[in-house]
Amino acid sequence: MMGNESSENGFSGWSWKDNKLFEVALAIVDEDDPNRWKAVATMIGGKSAEEVEKHYCLLVEDLECIESGELDYRLGDGWIWLPVEQGQSDFWTDEDQKLFNQMNLN
């Protein structure tokens, strides 16, 4: 997520403070509670149960993507998925640096 918000990935309106409250609320509210998302939304304030559940689902998707070995990078107006192979070299080459410098991550 770039900065505090990114509307394309569903994090629009989620400040750093909102995310911290979200983390604390998830740790407190039992995941089997039938009113889980309403309780979490109440603890955050200013969010609906639906917004909170969507935020959670997007984070789970991100984790699954990371665990599967794919990373996503926001470039311009689109998403690019880059596969990361297990055991890939930890060394940063000059070519890697050149490619990184060409990326516009802002």
N, C-alpha and C. Protein backbone atom coordinates (compact mmCIF):
# COMPACT_ATOMS: atom_id res chain seq x y z
N MET A 1 0.84 -1.16 0.00
CA MET A 1 0.00 0.00 0.00
C MET A 1 0.89 1.23 0.00
N MET A 2 0.65 2.12 -0.89
CA MET A 2 1.46 3.32 -1.00
C MET A 2 0.86 4.40 -0.10
N GLY A 3 1.67 5.00 0.76
CA GLY A 3 1.17 6.02 1.65
C GLY A 3 0.18 5.43 2.63
N ASN A 4 -0.86 6.19 2.96
CA ASN A 4 -1.87 5.70 3.89
C ASN A 4 -3.06 5.08 3.20
N GLU A 5 -3.25 5.37 1.91
CA GLU A 5 -4.46 4.92 1.24
C GLU A 5 -4.16 4.52 -0.20
N SER A 6 -4.98 3.60 -0.69
CA SER A 6 -4.92 3.23 -2.09
C SER A 6 -6.29 2.72 -2.48
N SER A 7 -7.04 3.47 -3.28
CA SER A 7 -8.41 3.11 -3.60
C SER A 7 -8.51 1.89 -4.49
N GLU A 8 -7.52 1.62 -5.33
CA GLU A 8 -7.62 0.49 -6.24
C GLU A 8 -7.62 -0.85 -5.52
N ASN A 9 -6.95 -0.97 -4.40
CA ASN A 9 -6.90 -2.26 -3.74
C ASN A 9 -7.84 -2.34 -2.54
N GLY A 10 -8.75 -1.39 -2.40
CA GLY A 10 -9.75 -1.49 -1.37
C GLY A 10 -9.34 -0.92 -0.02
N PHE A 11 -8.18 -0.29 0.08
CA PHE A 11 -7.73 0.26 1.35
C PHE A 11 -8.06 1.74 1.49
N SER A 12 -8.86 2.28 0.59
CA SER A 12 -9.20 3.69 0.64
C SER A 12 -9.86 4.02 1.98
N GLY A 13 -9.35 5.07 2.61
CA GLY A 13 -9.94 5.50 3.86
C GLY A 13 -9.40 4.79 5.09
N TRP A 14 -8.42 3.93 4.92
CA TRP A 14 -7.83 3.22 6.05
C TRP A 14 -6.52 3.89 6.43
N SER A 15 -6.55 4.65 7.50
CA SER A 15 -5.34 5.34 7.97
C SER A 15 -4.46 4.37 8.75
N TRP A 16 -3.29 4.82 9.09
CA TRP A 16 -2.38 4.01 9.90
C TRP A 16 -3.06 3.67 11.23
N LYS A 17 -3.72 4.67 11.83
CA LYS A 17 -4.41 4.46 13.10
C LYS A 17 -5.54 3.43 12.94
N ASP A 18 -6.32 3.54 11.86
CA ASP A 18 -7.38 2.57 11.59
C ASP A 18 -6.82 1.16 11.53
N ASN A 19 -5.70 1.00 10.83
CA ASN A 19 -5.09 -0.32 10.69
C ASN A 19 -4.59 -0.85 12.02
N LYS A 20 -4.04 0.00 12.86
CA LYS A 20 -3.58 -0.43 14.19
C LYS A 20 -4.77 -0.85 15.05
N LEU A 21 -5.85 -0.06 15.03
CA LEU A 21 -7.06 -0.43 15.77
C LEU A 21 -7.64 -1.74 15.24
N PHE A 22 -7.58 -1.91 13.93
CA PHE A 22 -8.04 -3.14 13.30
C PHE A 22 -7.25 -4.34 13.82
N GLU A 23 -5.93 -4.21 13.88
CA GLU A 23 -5.07 -5.30 14.38
C GLU A 23 -5.42 -5.65 15.82
N VAL A 24 -5.59 -4.64 16.65
CA VAL A 24 -5.91 -4.87 18.06
C VAL A 24 -7.29 -5.53 18.18
N ALA A 25 -8.25 -5.02 17.43
CA ALA A 25 -9.60 -5.58 17.47
C ALA A 25 -9.62 -7.04 17.03
N LEU A 26 -8.85 -7.38 16.00
CA LEU A 26 -8.79 -8.78 15.56
C LEU A 26 -8.21 -9.67 16.64
N ALA A 27 -7.26 -9.15 17.40
CA ALA A 27 -6.65 -9.93 18.48
C ALA A 27 -7.63 -10.13 19.64
N ILE A 28 -8.55 -9.21 19.82
CA ILE A 28 -9.48 -9.26 20.94
C ILE A 28 -10.74 -10.05 20.62
N VAL A 29 -11.33 -9.80 19.46
CA VAL A 29 -12.62 -10.40 19.10
C VAL A 29 -12.41 -11.83 18.61
N ASP A 30 -13.13 -12.76 19.18
CA ASP A 30 -13.04 -14.18 18.81
C ASP A 30 -13.45 -14.36 17.35
N GLU A 31 -12.64 -15.10 16.60
CA GLU A 31 -12.96 -15.29 15.17
C GLU A 31 -14.22 -16.11 14.95
N ASP A 32 -14.70 -16.81 15.97
CA ASP A 32 -15.95 -17.58 15.85
C ASP A 32 -17.17 -16.78 16.29
N ASP A 33 -16.97 -15.56 16.73
CA ASP A 33 -18.08 -14.70 17.15
C ASP A 33 -18.94 -14.38 15.93
N PRO A 34 -20.24 -14.67 15.99
CA PRO A 34 -21.10 -14.40 14.82
C PRO A 34 -21.21 -12.91 14.49
N ASN A 35 -20.90 -12.06 15.45
CA ASN A 35 -20.93 -10.61 15.23
C ASN A 35 -19.52 -10.03 15.15
N ARG A 36 -18.58 -10.84 14.70
CA ARG A 36 -17.17 -10.45 14.68
C ARG A 36 -16.94 -9.13 13.96
N TRP A 37 -17.42 -9.01 12.74
CA TRP A 37 -17.12 -7.82 11.94
C TRP A 37 -17.78 -6.57 12.50
N LYS A 38 -18.98 -6.73 13.07
CA LYS A 38 -19.65 -5.59 13.70
C LYS A 38 -18.86 -5.14 14.93
N ALA A 39 -18.38 -6.10 15.72
CA ALA A 39 -17.60 -5.77 16.92
C ALA A 39 -16.29 -5.08 16.54
N VAL A 40 -15.62 -5.60 15.53
CA VAL A 40 -14.36 -4.99 15.08
C VAL A 40 -14.62 -3.58 14.55
N ALA A 41 -15.68 -3.42 13.76
CA ALA A 41 -16.02 -2.10 13.22
C ALA A 41 -16.31 -1.11 14.34
N THR A 42 -16.99 -1.55 15.37
CA THR A 42 -17.30 -0.69 16.51
C THR A 42 -16.02 -0.25 17.22
N MET A 43 -15.08 -1.15 17.35
CA MET A 43 -13.81 -0.83 18.01
C MET A 43 -12.98 0.15 17.20
N ILE A 44 -13.07 0.06 15.87
CA ILE A 44 -12.31 0.97 15.00
C ILE A 44 -13.00 2.33 14.95
N GLY A 45 -14.30 2.31 14.75
CA GLY A 45 -15.07 3.54 14.60
C GLY A 45 -15.00 4.06 13.18
N GLY A 46 -16.15 4.48 12.65
CA GLY A 46 -16.18 5.06 11.31
C GLY A 46 -16.15 4.05 10.18
N LYS A 47 -16.24 2.77 10.49
CA LYS A 47 -16.24 1.71 9.47
C LYS A 47 -17.46 0.83 9.67
N SER A 48 -18.01 0.34 8.56
CA SER A 48 -19.11 -0.61 8.66
C SER A 48 -18.56 -2.02 8.81
N ALA A 49 -19.42 -2.93 9.24
CA ALA A 49 -19.01 -4.34 9.35
C ALA A 49 -18.58 -4.86 7.99
N GLU A 50 -19.26 -4.43 6.93
CA GLU A 50 -18.92 -4.88 5.57
C GLU A 50 -17.55 -4.37 5.15
N GLU A 51 -17.24 -3.12 5.47
CA GLU A 51 -15.92 -2.56 5.13
C GLU A 51 -14.81 -3.31 5.87
N VAL A 52 -15.05 -3.62 7.12
CA VAL A 52 -14.06 -4.32 7.94
C VAL A 52 -13.83 -5.73 7.40
N GLU A 53 -14.91 -6.42 7.06
CA GLU A 53 -14.76 -7.78 6.52
C GLU A 53 -14.03 -7.76 5.18
N LYS A 54 -14.34 -6.78 4.33
CA LYS A 54 -13.66 -6.66 3.03
C LYS A 54 -12.17 -6.39 3.24
N HIS A 55 -11.85 -5.52 4.18
CA HIS A 55 -10.45 -5.19 4.49
C HIS A 55 -9.71 -6.45 4.93
N TYR A 56 -10.35 -7.23 5.78
CA TYR A 56 -9.76 -8.48 6.26
C TYR A 56 -9.52 -9.45 5.09
N CYS A 57 -10.51 -9.61 4.23
CA CYS A 57 -10.39 -10.53 3.09
C CYS A 57 -9.26 -10.11 2.15
N LEU A 58 -9.11 -8.81 1.92
CA LEU A 58 -8.02 -8.32 1.07
C LEU A 58 -6.66 -8.61 1.69
N LEU A 59 -6.56 -8.47 3.00
CA LEU A 59 -5.30 -8.77 3.68
C LEU A 59 -4.98 -10.26 3.61
N VAL A 60 -6.00 -11.10 3.74
CA VAL A 60 -5.80 -12.55 3.62
C VAL A 60 -5.32 -12.88 2.21
N GLU A 61 -5.92 -12.25 1.20
CA GLU A 61 -5.47 -12.47 -0.19
C GLU A 61 -4.01 -12.07 -0.35
N ASP A 62 -3.62 -10.94 0.23
CA ASP A 62 -2.23 -10.49 0.15
C ASP A 62 -1.29 -11.51 0.79
N LEU A 63 -1.66 -12.01 1.96
CA LEU A 63 -0.83 -13.01 2.64
C LEU A 63 -0.71 -14.28 1.82
N GLU A 64 -1.82 -14.73 1.23
CA GLU A 64 -1.77 -15.94 0.40
C GLU A 64 -0.86 -15.73 -0.80
N CYS A 65 -0.89 -14.54 -1.37
CA CYS A 65 -0.03 -14.22 -2.51
C CYS A 65 1.43 -14.25 -2.09
N ILE A 66 1.73 -13.65 -0.96
CA ILE A 66 3.11 -13.64 -0.46
C ILE A 66 3.57 -15.06 -0.17
N GLU A 67 2.73 -15.84 0.51
CA GLU A 67 3.10 -17.21 0.86
C GLU A 67 3.27 -18.10 -0.36
N SER A 68 2.57 -17.77 -1.45
CA SER A 68 2.68 -18.58 -2.67
C SER A 68 3.94 -18.24 -3.46
N GLY A 69 4.65 -17.19 -3.03
CA GLY A 69 5.88 -16.81 -3.72
C GLY A 69 5.71 -15.73 -4.76
N GLU A 70 4.56 -15.08 -4.78
CA GLU A 70 4.34 -13.98 -5.71
C GLU A 70 4.29 -12.68 -4.91
N LEU A 71 4.84 -11.64 -5.49
CA LEU A 71 4.78 -10.32 -4.89
C LEU A 71 4.09 -9.39 -5.86
N ASP A 72 3.36 -8.43 -5.34
CA ASP A 72 2.71 -7.47 -6.22
C ASP A 72 3.32 -6.09 -6.02
N TYR A 73 3.45 -5.39 -7.12
CA TYR A 73 4.00 -4.04 -7.10
C TYR A 73 3.07 -3.13 -7.87
N ARG A 74 2.75 -2.00 -7.28
CA ARG A 74 1.89 -1.01 -7.92
C ARG A 74 2.76 -0.15 -8.83
N LEU A 75 2.49 -0.22 -10.12
CA LEU A 75 3.24 0.57 -11.10
C LEU A 75 2.25 1.28 -12.00
N GLY A 76 2.31 2.60 -12.01
CA GLY A 76 1.41 3.35 -12.87
C GLY A 76 -0.04 3.05 -12.55
N ASP A 77 -0.80 2.65 -13.57
CA ASP A 77 -2.21 2.39 -13.37
C ASP A 77 -2.54 0.90 -13.30
N GLY A 78 -1.54 0.04 -13.24
CA GLY A 78 -1.83 -1.39 -13.24
C GLY A 78 -1.02 -2.14 -12.21
N TRP A 79 -1.36 -3.39 -12.07
CA TRP A 79 -0.65 -4.29 -11.15
C TRP A 79 0.23 -5.22 -11.95
N ILE A 80 1.39 -5.49 -11.43
CA ILE A 80 2.30 -6.45 -12.04
C ILE A 80 2.61 -7.51 -10.99
N TRP A 81 2.45 -8.77 -11.36
CA TRP A 81 2.75 -9.88 -10.45
C TRP A 81 4.10 -10.46 -10.84
N LEU A 82 5.00 -10.53 -9.88
CA LEU A 82 6.33 -11.04 -10.12
C LEU A 82 6.53 -12.34 -9.35
N PRO A 83 6.77 -13.44 -10.04
CA PRO A 83 7.03 -14.69 -9.33
C PRO A 83 8.39 -14.64 -8.64
N VAL A 84 8.45 -15.21 -7.47
CA VAL A 84 9.70 -15.29 -6.72
C VAL A 84 9.98 -16.76 -6.47
N GLU A 85 11.08 -17.25 -7.01
CA GLU A 85 11.40 -18.66 -6.89
C GLU A 85 12.05 -18.94 -5.54
N GLN A 86 11.72 -20.12 -4.98
CA GLN A 86 12.35 -20.55 -3.75
C GLN A 86 13.84 -20.69 -3.98
N GLY A 87 14.64 -20.29 -3.02
CA GLY A 87 16.09 -20.42 -3.15
C GLY A 87 16.72 -19.40 -4.07
N GLN A 88 15.96 -18.38 -4.46
CA GLN A 88 16.50 -17.35 -5.35
C GLN A 88 17.67 -16.65 -4.65
N SER A 89 18.63 -16.24 -5.41
CA SER A 89 19.82 -15.59 -4.87
C SER A 89 19.46 -14.37 -4.03
N ASP A 90 20.16 -14.20 -2.94
CA ASP A 90 19.96 -13.05 -2.08
C ASP A 90 20.83 -11.87 -2.50
N PHE A 91 21.65 -12.06 -3.53
CA PHE A 91 22.56 -11.01 -3.96
C PHE A 91 21.86 -10.04 -4.89
N TRP A 92 22.12 -8.77 -4.71
CA TRP A 92 21.55 -7.70 -5.52
C TRP A 92 22.59 -7.34 -6.57
N THR A 93 22.27 -7.59 -7.82
CA THR A 93 23.23 -7.34 -8.90
C THR A 93 23.09 -5.91 -9.41
N ASP A 94 24.07 -5.49 -10.20
CA ASP A 94 23.99 -4.18 -10.84
C ASP A 94 22.77 -4.10 -11.76
N GLU A 95 22.47 -5.20 -12.43
CA GLU A 95 21.29 -5.25 -13.30
C GLU A 95 20.01 -5.09 -12.48
N ASP A 96 19.96 -5.74 -11.32
CA ASP A 96 18.81 -5.58 -10.43
C ASP A 96 18.63 -4.12 -10.04
N GLN A 97 19.73 -3.47 -9.69
CA GLN A 97 19.67 -2.06 -9.30
C GLN A 97 19.20 -1.19 -10.45
N LYS A 98 19.68 -1.48 -11.65
CA LYS A 98 19.28 -0.72 -12.84
C LYS A 98 17.78 -0.85 -13.07
N LEU A 99 17.26 -2.06 -12.99
CA LEU A 99 15.83 -2.28 -13.17
C LEU A 99 15.02 -1.61 -12.07
N PHE A 100 15.50 -1.71 -10.84
CA PHE A 100 14.82 -1.08 -9.72
C PHE A 100 14.74 0.43 -9.91
N ASN A 101 15.83 1.03 -10.36
CA ASN A 101 15.87 2.48 -10.58
C ASN A 101 14.90 2.92 -11.67
N GLN A 102 14.58 2.03 -12.61
CA GLN A 102 13.65 2.36 -13.69
C GLN A 102 12.20 2.29 -13.24
N MET A 103 11.95 1.64 -12.11
CA MET A 103 10.59 1.50 -11.61
C MET A 103 10.14 2.81 -10.99
N ASN A 104 8.91 3.19 -11.28
CA ASN A 104 8.32 4.37 -10.66
C ASN A 104 7.36 3.89 -9.59
N LEU A 105 7.80 3.88 -8.34
CA LEU A 105 6.99 3.34 -7.26
C LEU A 105 6.17 4.40 -6.54
N ASN A 106 6.17 5.60 -7.03
CA ASN A 106 5.40 6.67 -6.37
C ASN A 106 4.01 6.77 -6.92
